[in-house]
Amino acid sequence: MAPPNEPNEPPVPANTVQPFTPRYQDVPDTWKWPLGPYQQAPTEFGGDWWKVNPFTGPEPWRPVEASSSPEPEIPEGFTEIFGARPDASDFSSARSHKAAEMRWEQDLKYFQRGGIPGGFDQAQVDLASGVFEKWDMGRPQFYEGRYGWMARFPDSAIPDFEANVTASLEVSHIVVAKYQARQLLHGVTPRVVHPFVPPFLVSTES
């Protein structure tokens, strides 16, 4: 049996505990609290009769206070390395967006600083950067995080590719080969394949 009266208007998705909870101007006496599940909202909340149950909370007509947490402070250099918080419009599904957002939040949580790692100088960074730029990886960005100092390549085709900072600065060509191997495994053939890439990976693409 449905209530005798139609709702005043379609429920508006307002900031209430349950914005789509049924509410009516009036309901039969047997449906009213305490005999039935419908309770009348106070006059300041419209005076309608709302269906109340454990899922709606005791006062579904009452606005919910904003409870969202403030955005965390972004340390200097973090955005240049990891980008801004992933936007849902850039993903094909809510699941993939959520996964990317969780990775971004983890990176932010453990980020300590960016810059040139101790034990290396600008000349070494420039020399390695020249190698990476030649092989279409862009200029590396260095940061200290959960696993110590790492190199990341935000301007490359694989922005989340990372390598140990020592390998990146001392054996840069090996890092290039690892980067291209990852490309090949995902069906992407580099413009020029590095000679250090295992031949069997290249043959699978030909």
N, C-alpha and C. Protein backbone atom coordinates (compact mmCIF):
# COMPACT_ATOMS: atom_id res chain seq x y z
N MET A 1 0.84 -1.19 0.00
CA MET A 1 0.00 0.00 0.00
C MET A 1 0.88 1.25 0.00
N ALA A 2 0.61 2.15 -0.89
CA ALA A 2 1.40 3.37 -0.99
C ALA A 2 0.75 4.48 -0.18
N PRO A 3 1.47 5.46 0.26
CA PRO A 3 0.87 6.60 0.97
C PRO A 3 -0.16 7.26 0.09
N PRO A 4 -1.24 7.81 0.68
CA PRO A 4 -2.34 8.38 -0.09
C PRO A 4 -1.96 9.64 -0.86
N ASN A 5 -0.94 10.33 -0.41
CA ASN A 5 -0.57 11.58 -1.05
C ASN A 5 0.78 11.45 -1.73
N GLU A 6 0.92 12.09 -2.89
CA GLU A 6 2.20 12.12 -3.57
C GLU A 6 3.14 13.05 -2.80
N PRO A 7 4.43 12.86 -2.94
CA PRO A 7 5.36 13.78 -2.29
C PRO A 7 5.12 15.21 -2.80
N ASN A 8 5.51 16.16 -1.98
CA ASN A 8 5.36 17.55 -2.38
C ASN A 8 6.02 17.80 -3.72
N GLU A 9 7.19 17.22 -3.91
CA GLU A 9 7.96 17.36 -5.14
C GLU A 9 9.03 16.28 -5.11
N PRO A 10 9.66 15.98 -6.24
CA PRO A 10 10.72 14.97 -6.23
C PRO A 10 11.80 15.37 -5.23
N PRO A 11 12.27 14.41 -4.42
CA PRO A 11 13.30 14.74 -3.43
C PRO A 11 14.49 15.41 -4.08
N VAL A 12 14.96 16.46 -3.46
CA VAL A 12 16.10 17.21 -3.96
C VAL A 12 17.36 16.67 -3.28
N PRO A 13 18.42 16.42 -4.06
CA PRO A 13 19.65 15.88 -3.45
C PRO A 13 20.36 16.94 -2.62
N ALA A 14 19.74 17.30 -1.51
CA ALA A 14 20.32 18.30 -0.62
C ALA A 14 21.28 17.63 0.34
N ASN A 15 21.94 18.43 1.17
CA ASN A 15 22.89 17.87 2.12
C ASN A 15 22.17 17.36 3.36
N THR A 16 21.45 16.25 3.19
CA THR A 16 20.77 15.63 4.32
C THR A 16 21.35 14.24 4.50
N VAL A 17 21.01 13.61 5.63
CA VAL A 17 21.52 12.27 5.89
C VAL A 17 21.13 11.33 4.77
N GLN A 18 19.87 11.36 4.35
CA GLN A 18 19.36 10.54 3.26
C GLN A 18 18.49 11.40 2.37
N PRO A 19 19.08 12.11 1.40
CA PRO A 19 18.31 13.07 0.61
C PRO A 19 17.15 12.47 -0.18
N PHE A 20 17.19 11.17 -0.47
CA PHE A 20 16.13 10.56 -1.25
C PHE A 20 15.16 9.74 -0.39
N THR A 21 15.20 9.94 0.90
CA THR A 21 14.26 9.27 1.80
C THR A 21 12.84 9.75 1.52
N PRO A 22 11.85 8.85 1.42
CA PRO A 22 10.46 9.29 1.17
C PRO A 22 9.97 10.25 2.23
N ARG A 23 9.29 11.31 1.79
CA ARG A 23 8.69 12.27 2.72
C ARG A 23 7.40 12.79 2.08
N TYR A 24 6.40 13.02 2.93
CA TYR A 24 5.07 13.39 2.45
C TYR A 24 4.48 14.47 3.35
N GLN A 25 3.50 15.19 2.80
CA GLN A 25 2.80 16.19 3.61
C GLN A 25 2.02 15.54 4.73
N ASP A 26 1.48 14.36 4.45
CA ASP A 26 0.71 13.65 5.47
C ASP A 26 0.70 12.17 5.14
N VAL A 27 0.51 11.35 6.15
CA VAL A 27 0.40 9.90 5.97
C VAL A 27 -0.70 9.41 6.92
N PRO A 28 -1.25 8.21 6.70
CA PRO A 28 -2.27 7.68 7.62
C PRO A 28 -1.76 7.63 9.05
N ASP A 29 -2.68 7.78 10.00
CA ASP A 29 -2.29 7.79 11.41
C ASP A 29 -1.54 6.52 11.80
N THR A 30 -1.92 5.40 11.21
CA THR A 30 -1.25 4.13 11.57
C THR A 30 0.19 4.07 11.08
N TRP A 31 0.54 4.99 10.18
CA TRP A 31 1.91 5.02 9.66
C TRP A 31 2.79 5.97 10.46
N LYS A 32 2.14 6.74 11.36
CA LYS A 32 2.89 7.75 12.10
C LYS A 32 3.53 7.14 13.35
N TRP A 33 4.66 7.71 13.67
CA TRP A 33 5.38 7.30 14.86
C TRP A 33 4.54 7.50 16.11
N PRO A 34 4.46 6.53 17.08
CA PRO A 34 5.31 5.34 17.19
C PRO A 34 4.70 4.09 16.55
N LEU A 35 3.47 4.18 15.97
CA LEU A 35 2.88 3.00 15.36
C LEU A 35 3.57 2.62 14.05
N GLY A 36 3.96 3.62 13.31
CA GLY A 36 4.58 3.38 12.01
C GLY A 36 5.96 4.01 11.91
N PRO A 37 6.59 3.93 10.72
CA PRO A 37 7.97 4.40 10.57
C PRO A 37 8.11 5.88 10.22
N TYR A 38 6.97 6.60 10.02
CA TYR A 38 7.06 7.99 9.59
C TYR A 38 7.08 8.94 10.77
N GLN A 39 8.07 9.85 10.77
CA GLN A 39 8.16 10.86 11.81
C GLN A 39 8.07 12.24 11.17
N GLN A 40 7.47 13.18 11.91
CA GLN A 40 7.30 14.53 11.37
C GLN A 40 8.50 15.39 11.70
N ALA A 41 9.01 16.03 10.65
CA ALA A 41 10.14 16.94 10.85
C ALA A 41 9.66 18.20 11.57
N PRO A 42 10.52 18.84 12.34
CA PRO A 42 10.15 20.11 12.97
C PRO A 42 9.77 21.14 11.91
N THR A 43 9.00 22.13 12.35
CA THR A 43 8.53 23.16 11.42
C THR A 43 9.66 23.82 10.66
N GLU A 44 10.78 24.06 11.34
CA GLU A 44 11.90 24.73 10.66
C GLU A 44 12.52 23.88 9.56
N PHE A 45 12.18 22.59 9.52
CA PHE A 45 12.67 21.70 8.47
C PHE A 45 11.54 21.29 7.52
N GLY A 46 10.45 22.03 7.52
CA GLY A 46 9.38 21.81 6.55
C GLY A 46 8.15 21.12 7.07
N GLY A 47 8.24 20.40 8.20
CA GLY A 47 7.08 19.76 8.79
C GLY A 47 6.56 18.52 8.06
N ASP A 48 7.29 18.03 7.04
CA ASP A 48 6.85 16.83 6.34
C ASP A 48 7.05 15.59 7.21
N TRP A 49 6.38 14.52 6.77
CA TRP A 49 6.52 13.23 7.44
C TRP A 49 7.58 12.42 6.68
N TRP A 50 8.64 12.06 7.37
CA TRP A 50 9.78 11.35 6.77
C TRP A 50 9.81 9.90 7.25
N LYS A 51 10.13 9.00 6.34
CA LYS A 51 10.30 7.61 6.73
C LYS A 51 11.65 7.45 7.41
N VAL A 52 11.65 6.96 8.64
CA VAL A 52 12.86 6.87 9.44
C VAL A 52 13.14 5.40 9.76
N ASN A 53 14.37 5.01 9.55
CA ASN A 53 14.79 3.64 9.89
C ASN A 53 16.29 3.68 10.18
N PRO A 54 16.89 2.55 10.57
CA PRO A 54 18.31 2.58 10.91
C PRO A 54 19.21 3.05 9.77
N PHE A 55 18.74 2.91 8.53
CA PHE A 55 19.57 3.31 7.39
C PHE A 55 19.52 4.81 7.13
N THR A 56 18.46 5.45 7.54
CA THR A 56 18.33 6.89 7.27
C THR A 56 18.90 7.74 8.38
N GLY A 57 19.09 7.14 9.57
CA GLY A 57 19.46 7.93 10.72
C GLY A 57 18.21 8.47 11.40
N PRO A 58 18.31 8.97 12.61
CA PRO A 58 17.12 9.39 13.38
C PRO A 58 16.48 10.69 12.87
N GLU A 59 17.23 11.51 12.16
CA GLU A 59 16.70 12.80 11.68
C GLU A 59 17.16 13.04 10.24
N PRO A 60 16.58 12.33 9.28
CA PRO A 60 17.04 12.47 7.89
C PRO A 60 16.77 13.83 7.29
N TRP A 61 15.95 14.64 7.93
CA TRP A 61 15.66 15.99 7.42
C TRP A 61 16.73 17.00 7.80
N ARG A 62 17.61 16.63 8.70
CA ARG A 62 18.59 17.59 9.22
C ARG A 62 19.82 17.64 8.31
N PRO A 63 20.25 18.85 7.90
CA PRO A 63 21.45 18.96 7.05
C PRO A 63 22.67 18.37 7.73
N VAL A 64 23.54 17.80 6.92
CA VAL A 64 24.76 17.21 7.43
C VAL A 64 25.87 18.26 7.39
N GLU A 65 26.59 18.35 8.47
CA GLU A 65 27.72 19.28 8.50
C GLU A 65 28.80 18.79 7.57
N ALA A 66 29.44 19.71 6.87
CA ALA A 66 30.52 19.32 5.97
C ALA A 66 31.61 18.61 6.75
N SER A 67 31.96 17.41 6.28
CA SER A 67 32.93 16.61 7.01
C SER A 67 34.16 16.28 6.17
N SER A 68 34.29 16.86 4.98
CA SER A 68 35.43 16.55 4.14
C SER A 68 36.70 17.12 4.74
N SER A 69 37.78 16.35 4.64
CA SER A 69 39.05 16.77 5.19
C SER A 69 39.69 17.81 4.27
N PRO A 70 40.40 18.75 4.83
CA PRO A 70 41.07 19.75 3.99
C PRO A 70 42.15 19.09 3.14
N GLU A 71 42.41 19.68 2.00
CA GLU A 71 43.46 19.15 1.13
C GLU A 71 44.79 19.22 1.87
N PRO A 72 45.60 18.16 1.78
CA PRO A 72 46.90 18.19 2.45
C PRO A 72 47.81 19.23 1.82
N GLU A 73 48.73 19.73 2.58
CA GLU A 73 49.68 20.70 2.07
C GLU A 73 50.63 20.00 1.10
N ILE A 74 50.84 20.61 -0.07
CA ILE A 74 51.70 20.01 -1.08
C ILE A 74 53.11 20.57 -0.91
N PRO A 75 54.10 19.72 -0.63
CA PRO A 75 55.47 20.22 -0.45
C PRO A 75 56.03 20.80 -1.75
N GLU A 76 56.97 21.70 -1.61
CA GLU A 76 57.62 22.31 -2.78
C GLU A 76 58.27 21.23 -3.64
N GLY A 77 58.02 21.26 -4.92
CA GLY A 77 58.64 20.32 -5.84
C GLY A 77 57.83 19.07 -6.11
N PHE A 78 56.86 18.79 -5.27
CA PHE A 78 56.11 17.54 -5.43
C PHE A 78 55.30 17.50 -6.73
N THR A 79 54.58 18.57 -7.01
CA THR A 79 53.73 18.61 -8.20
C THR A 79 54.55 18.49 -9.48
N GLU A 80 55.72 19.09 -9.51
CA GLU A 80 56.57 19.00 -10.69
C GLU A 80 56.99 17.56 -10.97
N ILE A 81 57.07 16.75 -9.94
CA ILE A 81 57.53 15.36 -10.08
C ILE A 81 56.36 14.40 -10.26
N PHE A 82 55.30 14.58 -9.48
CA PHE A 82 54.19 13.62 -9.48
C PHE A 82 52.91 14.16 -10.12
N GLY A 83 52.90 15.43 -10.46
CA GLY A 83 51.71 16.02 -11.04
C GLY A 83 50.68 16.37 -9.98
N ALA A 84 49.57 16.97 -10.45
CA ALA A 84 48.48 17.32 -9.54
C ALA A 84 47.67 16.07 -9.21
N ARG A 85 46.79 16.19 -8.23
CA ARG A 85 45.92 15.06 -7.86
C ARG A 85 45.17 14.56 -9.10
N PRO A 86 45.14 13.27 -9.36
CA PRO A 86 44.46 12.75 -10.56
C PRO A 86 43.00 13.19 -10.63
N ASP A 87 42.58 13.59 -11.82
CA ASP A 87 41.21 14.05 -12.04
C ASP A 87 40.39 12.91 -12.66
N ALA A 88 39.18 12.73 -12.16
CA ALA A 88 38.34 11.62 -12.63
C ALA A 88 38.08 11.68 -14.13
N SER A 89 38.04 12.88 -14.70
CA SER A 89 37.74 13.02 -16.12
C SER A 89 38.84 12.46 -17.01
N ASP A 90 40.01 12.21 -16.44
CA ASP A 90 41.13 11.70 -17.22
C ASP A 90 41.17 10.16 -17.25
N PHE A 91 40.18 9.52 -16.63
CA PHE A 91 40.20 8.06 -16.53
C PHE A 91 38.93 7.46 -17.11
N SER A 92 39.06 6.24 -17.61
CA SER A 92 37.93 5.57 -18.26
C SER A 92 36.97 4.93 -17.26
N SER A 93 37.40 4.77 -16.01
CA SER A 93 36.53 4.16 -15.01
C SER A 93 36.84 4.72 -13.64
N ALA A 94 35.87 4.61 -12.76
CA ALA A 94 36.06 5.10 -11.38
C ALA A 94 37.13 4.28 -10.67
N ARG A 95 37.22 3.00 -11.01
CA ARG A 95 38.22 2.14 -10.36
C ARG A 95 39.63 2.58 -10.70
N SER A 96 39.90 2.84 -12.00
CA SER A 96 41.24 3.25 -12.39
C SER A 96 41.59 4.62 -11.81
N HIS A 97 40.60 5.51 -11.74
CA HIS A 97 40.84 6.81 -11.12
C HIS A 97 41.18 6.66 -9.65
N LYS A 98 40.44 5.82 -8.94
CA LYS A 98 40.69 5.62 -7.52
C LYS A 98 42.07 5.03 -7.28
N ALA A 99 42.47 4.09 -8.13
CA ALA A 99 43.79 3.48 -7.98
C ALA A 99 44.89 4.52 -8.17
N ALA A 100 44.72 5.37 -9.19
CA ALA A 100 45.72 6.42 -9.44
C ALA A 100 45.75 7.42 -8.29
N GLU A 101 44.59 7.74 -7.76
CA GLU A 101 44.52 8.70 -6.65
C GLU A 101 45.19 8.13 -5.41
N MET A 102 45.00 6.85 -5.16
CA MET A 102 45.63 6.23 -4.00
C MET A 102 47.15 6.21 -4.14
N ARG A 103 47.64 5.94 -5.36
CA ARG A 103 49.10 5.97 -5.58
C ARG A 103 49.64 7.36 -5.35
N TRP A 104 48.90 8.38 -5.86
CA TRP A 104 49.33 9.77 -5.69
C TRP A 104 49.38 10.13 -4.21
N GLU A 105 48.40 9.72 -3.46
CA GLU A 105 48.36 10.02 -2.02
C GLU A 105 49.49 9.32 -1.27
N GLN A 106 49.83 8.09 -1.69
CA GLN A 106 50.95 7.39 -1.07
C GLN A 106 52.26 8.11 -1.38
N ASP A 107 52.41 8.54 -2.63
CA ASP A 107 53.62 9.27 -3.01
C ASP A 107 53.74 10.56 -2.19
N LEU A 108 52.62 11.23 -2.00
CA LEU A 108 52.63 12.47 -1.21
C LEU A 108 52.97 12.18 0.24
N LYS A 109 52.43 11.11 0.77
CA LYS A 109 52.65 10.76 2.18
C LYS A 109 54.13 10.55 2.48
N TYR A 110 54.83 9.89 1.56
CA TYR A 110 56.23 9.54 1.83
C TYR A 110 57.24 10.51 1.21
N PHE A 111 56.75 11.49 0.47
CA PHE A 111 57.66 12.45 -0.16
C PHE A 111 58.39 13.27 0.90
N GLN A 112 59.71 13.37 0.75
CA GLN A 112 60.49 14.16 1.68
C GLN A 112 61.04 15.44 1.05
N ARG A 113 61.60 15.29 -0.15
CA ARG A 113 62.14 16.47 -0.81
C ARG A 113 62.57 16.10 -2.23
N GLY A 114 62.70 17.11 -3.06
CA GLY A 114 63.25 16.92 -4.38
C GLY A 114 64.57 17.66 -4.50
N GLY A 115 65.27 17.48 -5.60
CA GLY A 115 66.54 18.16 -5.80
C GLY A 115 67.63 17.20 -6.22
N ILE A 116 68.86 17.61 -6.04
CA ILE A 116 70.01 16.77 -6.38
C ILE A 116 70.39 15.96 -5.15
N PRO A 117 70.43 14.64 -5.27
CA PRO A 117 70.76 13.82 -4.09
C PRO A 117 72.19 14.02 -3.63
N GLY A 118 72.41 13.80 -2.35
CA GLY A 118 73.75 13.94 -1.79
C GLY A 118 74.74 12.99 -2.46
N GLY A 119 75.96 13.44 -2.64
CA GLY A 119 76.99 12.62 -3.27
C GLY A 119 77.09 12.85 -4.76
N PHE A 120 76.19 13.65 -5.33
CA PHE A 120 76.21 13.95 -6.77
C PHE A 120 76.20 15.47 -6.94
N ASP A 121 76.60 15.91 -8.13
CA ASP A 121 76.61 17.34 -8.39
C ASP A 121 75.87 17.66 -9.67
N GLN A 122 75.73 18.93 -9.96
CA GLN A 122 74.96 19.37 -11.11
C GLN A 122 75.56 18.86 -12.42
N ALA A 123 76.88 18.76 -12.49
CA ALA A 123 77.52 18.28 -13.71
C ALA A 123 77.11 16.84 -14.01
N GLN A 124 77.03 16.00 -12.99
CA GLN A 124 76.61 14.62 -13.18
C GLN A 124 75.14 14.55 -13.60
N VAL A 125 74.33 15.40 -13.01
CA VAL A 125 72.92 15.44 -13.36
C VAL A 125 72.75 15.87 -14.81
N ASP A 126 73.50 16.88 -15.23
CA ASP A 126 73.38 17.37 -16.60
C ASP A 126 73.83 16.31 -17.61
N LEU A 127 74.89 15.57 -17.27
CA LEU A 127 75.41 14.54 -18.17
C LEU A 127 74.37 13.43 -18.36
N ALA A 128 73.80 12.97 -17.25
CA ALA A 128 72.78 11.91 -17.34
C ALA A 128 71.53 12.42 -18.02
N SER A 129 71.15 13.65 -17.74
CA SER A 129 69.94 14.21 -18.35
C SER A 129 70.07 14.26 -19.86
N GLY A 130 71.28 14.56 -20.34
CA GLY A 130 71.49 14.58 -21.78
C GLY A 130 71.23 13.22 -22.41
N VAL A 131 71.61 12.16 -21.70
CA VAL A 131 71.36 10.80 -22.20
C VAL A 131 69.85 10.53 -22.26
N PHE A 132 69.18 10.83 -21.20
CA PHE A 132 67.73 10.55 -21.14
C PHE A 132 66.95 11.38 -22.17
N GLU A 133 67.33 12.62 -22.32
CA GLU A 133 66.64 13.47 -23.29
C GLU A 133 66.87 12.96 -24.72
N LYS A 134 68.08 12.46 -24.99
CA LYS A 134 68.38 11.92 -26.31
C LYS A 134 67.49 10.72 -26.63
N TRP A 135 67.15 9.95 -25.61
CA TRP A 135 66.34 8.75 -25.80
C TRP A 135 64.87 8.98 -25.47
N ASP A 136 64.43 10.19 -25.62
CA ASP A 136 63.01 10.55 -25.52
C ASP A 136 62.39 10.29 -24.15
N MET A 137 63.18 10.41 -23.11
CA MET A 137 62.63 10.23 -21.76
C MET A 137 62.45 11.56 -21.04
N GLY A 138 62.94 12.63 -21.61
CA GLY A 138 62.84 13.91 -20.95
C GLY A 138 63.86 14.05 -19.83
N ARG A 139 63.86 15.18 -19.19
CA ARG A 139 64.82 15.44 -18.11
C ARG A 139 64.32 14.76 -16.83
N PRO A 140 65.19 14.02 -16.14
CA PRO A 140 64.77 13.33 -14.91
C PRO A 140 64.54 14.30 -13.76
N GLN A 141 63.67 13.89 -12.87
CA GLN A 141 63.44 14.62 -11.62
C GLN A 141 63.83 13.68 -10.49
N PHE A 142 64.56 14.19 -9.52
CA PHE A 142 65.03 13.37 -8.42
C PHE A 142 64.29 13.73 -7.14
N TYR A 143 63.98 12.71 -6.35
CA TYR A 143 63.28 12.97 -5.09
C TYR A 143 63.64 11.90 -4.07
N GLU A 144 63.49 12.25 -2.82
CA GLU A 144 63.68 11.31 -1.72
C GLU A 144 62.30 10.94 -1.18
N GLY A 145 62.02 9.65 -1.14
CA GLY A 145 60.72 9.19 -0.70
C GLY A 145 60.81 7.90 0.08
N ARG A 146 59.80 7.08 -0.08
CA ARG A 146 59.68 5.85 0.69
C ARG A 146 60.87 4.91 0.51
N TYR A 147 61.42 4.88 -0.70
CA TYR A 147 62.51 3.95 -1.00
C TYR A 147 63.84 4.67 -1.20
N GLY A 148 64.01 5.79 -0.54
CA GLY A 148 65.23 6.55 -0.68
C GLY A 148 65.18 7.46 -1.89
N TRP A 149 66.34 7.78 -2.43
CA TRP A 149 66.42 8.68 -3.58
C TRP A 149 66.12 7.93 -4.87
N MET A 150 65.20 8.49 -5.67
CA MET A 150 64.78 7.89 -6.91
C MET A 150 64.76 8.94 -8.01
N ALA A 151 64.85 8.45 -9.26
CA ALA A 151 64.69 9.31 -10.43
C ALA A 151 63.36 8.99 -11.08
N ARG A 152 62.67 10.02 -11.52
CA ARG A 152 61.37 9.86 -12.15
C ARG A 152 61.37 10.71 -13.42
N PHE A 153 60.56 10.33 -14.40
CA PHE A 153 60.60 10.98 -15.71
C PHE A 153 59.20 11.47 -16.10
N PRO A 154 58.76 12.57 -15.49
CA PRO A 154 57.38 13.05 -15.70
C PRO A 154 57.07 13.50 -17.12
N ASP A 155 58.10 13.82 -17.94
CA ASP A 155 57.86 14.27 -19.31
C ASP A 155 57.94 13.13 -20.32
N SER A 156 58.13 11.91 -19.83
CA SER A 156 58.25 10.76 -20.73
C SER A 156 56.88 10.18 -21.05
N ALA A 157 56.88 9.16 -21.89
CA ALA A 157 55.63 8.48 -22.22
C ALA A 157 55.14 7.60 -21.07
N ILE A 158 56.00 7.37 -20.09
CA ILE A 158 55.63 6.59 -18.90
C ILE A 158 55.99 7.43 -17.68
N PRO A 159 55.15 8.37 -17.31
CA PRO A 159 55.49 9.31 -16.22
C PRO A 159 55.75 8.65 -14.88
N ASP A 160 55.21 7.45 -14.66
CA ASP A 160 55.41 6.81 -13.36
C ASP A 160 56.62 5.87 -13.35
N PHE A 161 57.38 5.82 -14.45
CA PHE A 161 58.60 5.00 -14.48
C PHE A 161 59.61 5.60 -13.52
N GLU A 162 60.21 4.75 -12.70
CA GLU A 162 61.21 5.20 -11.74
C GLU A 162 62.45 4.32 -11.79
N ALA A 163 63.55 4.86 -11.35
CA ALA A 163 64.79 4.11 -11.28
C ALA A 163 65.60 4.60 -10.09
N ASN A 164 66.44 3.72 -9.57
CA ASN A 164 67.34 4.10 -8.49
C ASN A 164 68.22 5.25 -8.93
N VAL A 165 68.44 6.20 -8.06
CA VAL A 165 69.16 7.41 -8.45
C VAL A 165 70.61 7.11 -8.81
N THR A 166 71.24 6.18 -8.13
CA THR A 166 72.63 5.85 -8.45
C THR A 166 72.75 5.27 -9.84
N ALA A 167 71.84 4.34 -10.18
CA ALA A 167 71.85 3.77 -11.53
C ALA A 167 71.56 4.85 -12.56
N SER A 168 70.64 5.73 -12.25
CA SER A 168 70.26 6.77 -13.21
C SER A 168 71.41 7.70 -13.54
N LEU A 169 72.25 7.99 -12.56
CA LEU A 169 73.33 8.94 -12.77
C LEU A 169 74.65 8.28 -13.16
N GLU A 170 74.81 7.00 -12.86
CA GLU A 170 76.10 6.35 -13.13
C GLU A 170 76.04 5.38 -14.30
N VAL A 171 74.89 4.76 -14.52
CA VAL A 171 74.75 3.83 -15.66
C VAL A 171 73.45 4.16 -16.37
N SER A 172 73.35 5.36 -16.88
CA SER A 172 72.12 5.89 -17.46
C SER A 172 71.59 5.05 -18.61
N HIS A 173 72.48 4.48 -19.40
CA HIS A 173 72.04 3.72 -20.57
C HIS A 173 71.30 2.44 -20.16
N ILE A 174 71.67 1.87 -19.03
CA ILE A 174 70.95 0.70 -18.53
C ILE A 174 69.52 1.09 -18.13
N VAL A 175 69.36 2.26 -17.54
CA VAL A 175 68.03 2.74 -17.18
C VAL A 175 67.19 3.00 -18.43
N VAL A 176 67.82 3.53 -19.47
CA VAL A 176 67.11 3.73 -20.73
C VAL A 176 66.61 2.40 -21.27
N ALA A 177 67.46 1.37 -21.21
CA ALA A 177 67.06 0.05 -21.71
C ALA A 177 65.90 -0.52 -20.90
N LYS A 178 65.91 -0.32 -19.58
CA LYS A 178 64.79 -0.80 -18.76
C LYS A 178 63.50 -0.06 -19.11
N TYR A 179 63.64 1.22 -19.36
CA TYR A 179 62.47 2.02 -19.75
C TYR A 179 61.90 1.51 -21.07
N GLN A 180 62.75 1.29 -22.04
CA GLN A 180 62.27 0.81 -23.34
C GLN A 180 61.72 -0.61 -23.25
N ALA A 181 62.31 -1.42 -22.39
CA ALA A 181 61.78 -2.78 -22.21
C ALA A 181 60.35 -2.72 -21.70
N ARG A 182 60.09 -1.80 -20.80
CA ARG A 182 58.72 -1.65 -20.30
C ARG A 182 57.79 -1.20 -21.42
N GLN A 183 58.27 -0.29 -22.27
CA GLN A 183 57.45 0.13 -23.40
C GLN A 183 57.11 -1.06 -24.30
N LEU A 184 58.12 -1.86 -24.64
CA LEU A 184 57.92 -3.00 -25.53
C LEU A 184 56.96 -4.02 -24.94
N LEU A 185 57.08 -4.24 -23.64
CA LEU A 185 56.18 -5.19 -22.98
C LEU A 185 54.73 -4.72 -23.01
N HIS A 186 54.53 -3.43 -23.19
CA HIS A 186 53.18 -2.87 -23.27
C HIS A 186 52.78 -2.57 -24.71
N GLY A 187 53.54 -3.13 -25.66
CA GLY A 187 53.15 -3.02 -27.06
C GLY A 187 53.54 -1.72 -27.74
N VAL A 188 54.47 -0.98 -27.15
CA VAL A 188 54.91 0.29 -27.74
C VAL A 188 56.36 0.14 -28.20
N THR A 189 56.62 0.38 -29.46
CA THR A 189 57.98 0.29 -30.00
C THR A 189 58.62 1.67 -29.98
N PRO A 190 59.77 1.81 -29.31
CA PRO A 190 60.46 3.11 -29.28
C PRO A 190 60.87 3.55 -30.68
N ARG A 191 61.04 4.85 -30.84
CA ARG A 191 61.44 5.41 -32.13
C ARG A 191 62.76 4.79 -32.57
N VAL A 192 63.71 4.69 -31.66
CA VAL A 192 64.97 3.99 -31.89
C VAL A 192 65.20 3.08 -30.70
N VAL A 193 65.37 1.80 -30.95
CA VAL A 193 65.56 0.85 -29.85
C VAL A 193 67.01 0.90 -29.38
N HIS A 194 67.17 1.03 -28.07
CA HIS A 194 68.51 1.10 -27.49
C HIS A 194 69.20 -0.26 -27.64
N PRO A 195 70.51 -0.27 -27.95
CA PRO A 195 71.21 -1.55 -28.14
C PRO A 195 71.28 -2.42 -26.89
N PHE A 196 71.02 -1.84 -25.71
CA PHE A 196 71.05 -2.64 -24.49
C PHE A 196 69.74 -3.39 -24.24
N VAL A 197 68.71 -3.10 -25.01
CA VAL A 197 67.42 -3.80 -24.85
C VAL A 197 67.58 -5.25 -25.29
N PRO A 198 67.12 -6.22 -24.49
CA PRO A 198 67.24 -7.63 -24.87
C PRO A 198 66.59 -7.89 -26.23
N PRO A 199 67.31 -8.55 -27.13
CA PRO A 199 66.80 -8.78 -28.49
C PRO A 199 65.45 -9.50 -28.54
N PHE A 200 65.21 -10.41 -27.62
CA PHE A 200 63.96 -11.16 -27.68
C PHE A 200 62.74 -10.25 -27.49
N LEU A 201 62.93 -9.16 -26.76
CA LEU A 201 61.82 -8.22 -26.60
C LEU A 201 61.50 -7.52 -27.93
N VAL A 202 62.54 -7.19 -28.67
CA VAL A 202 62.36 -6.51 -29.93
C VAL A 202 61.77 -7.45 -30.95
N SER A 203 62.20 -8.71 -30.95
CA SER A 203 61.71 -9.67 -31.93
C SER A 203 60.23 -9.94 -31.77
N THR A 204 59.71 -9.83 -30.54
CA THR A 204 58.28 -10.07 -30.35
C THR A 204 57.43 -8.98 -30.96
N GLU A 205 58.07 -7.82 -31.25
CA GLU A 205 57.33 -6.71 -31.81
C GLU A 205 57.40 -6.68 -33.35
N SER A 206 58.35 -7.44 -33.92
CA SER A 206 58.52 -7.39 -35.36
C SER A 206 57.61 -8.36 -36.08
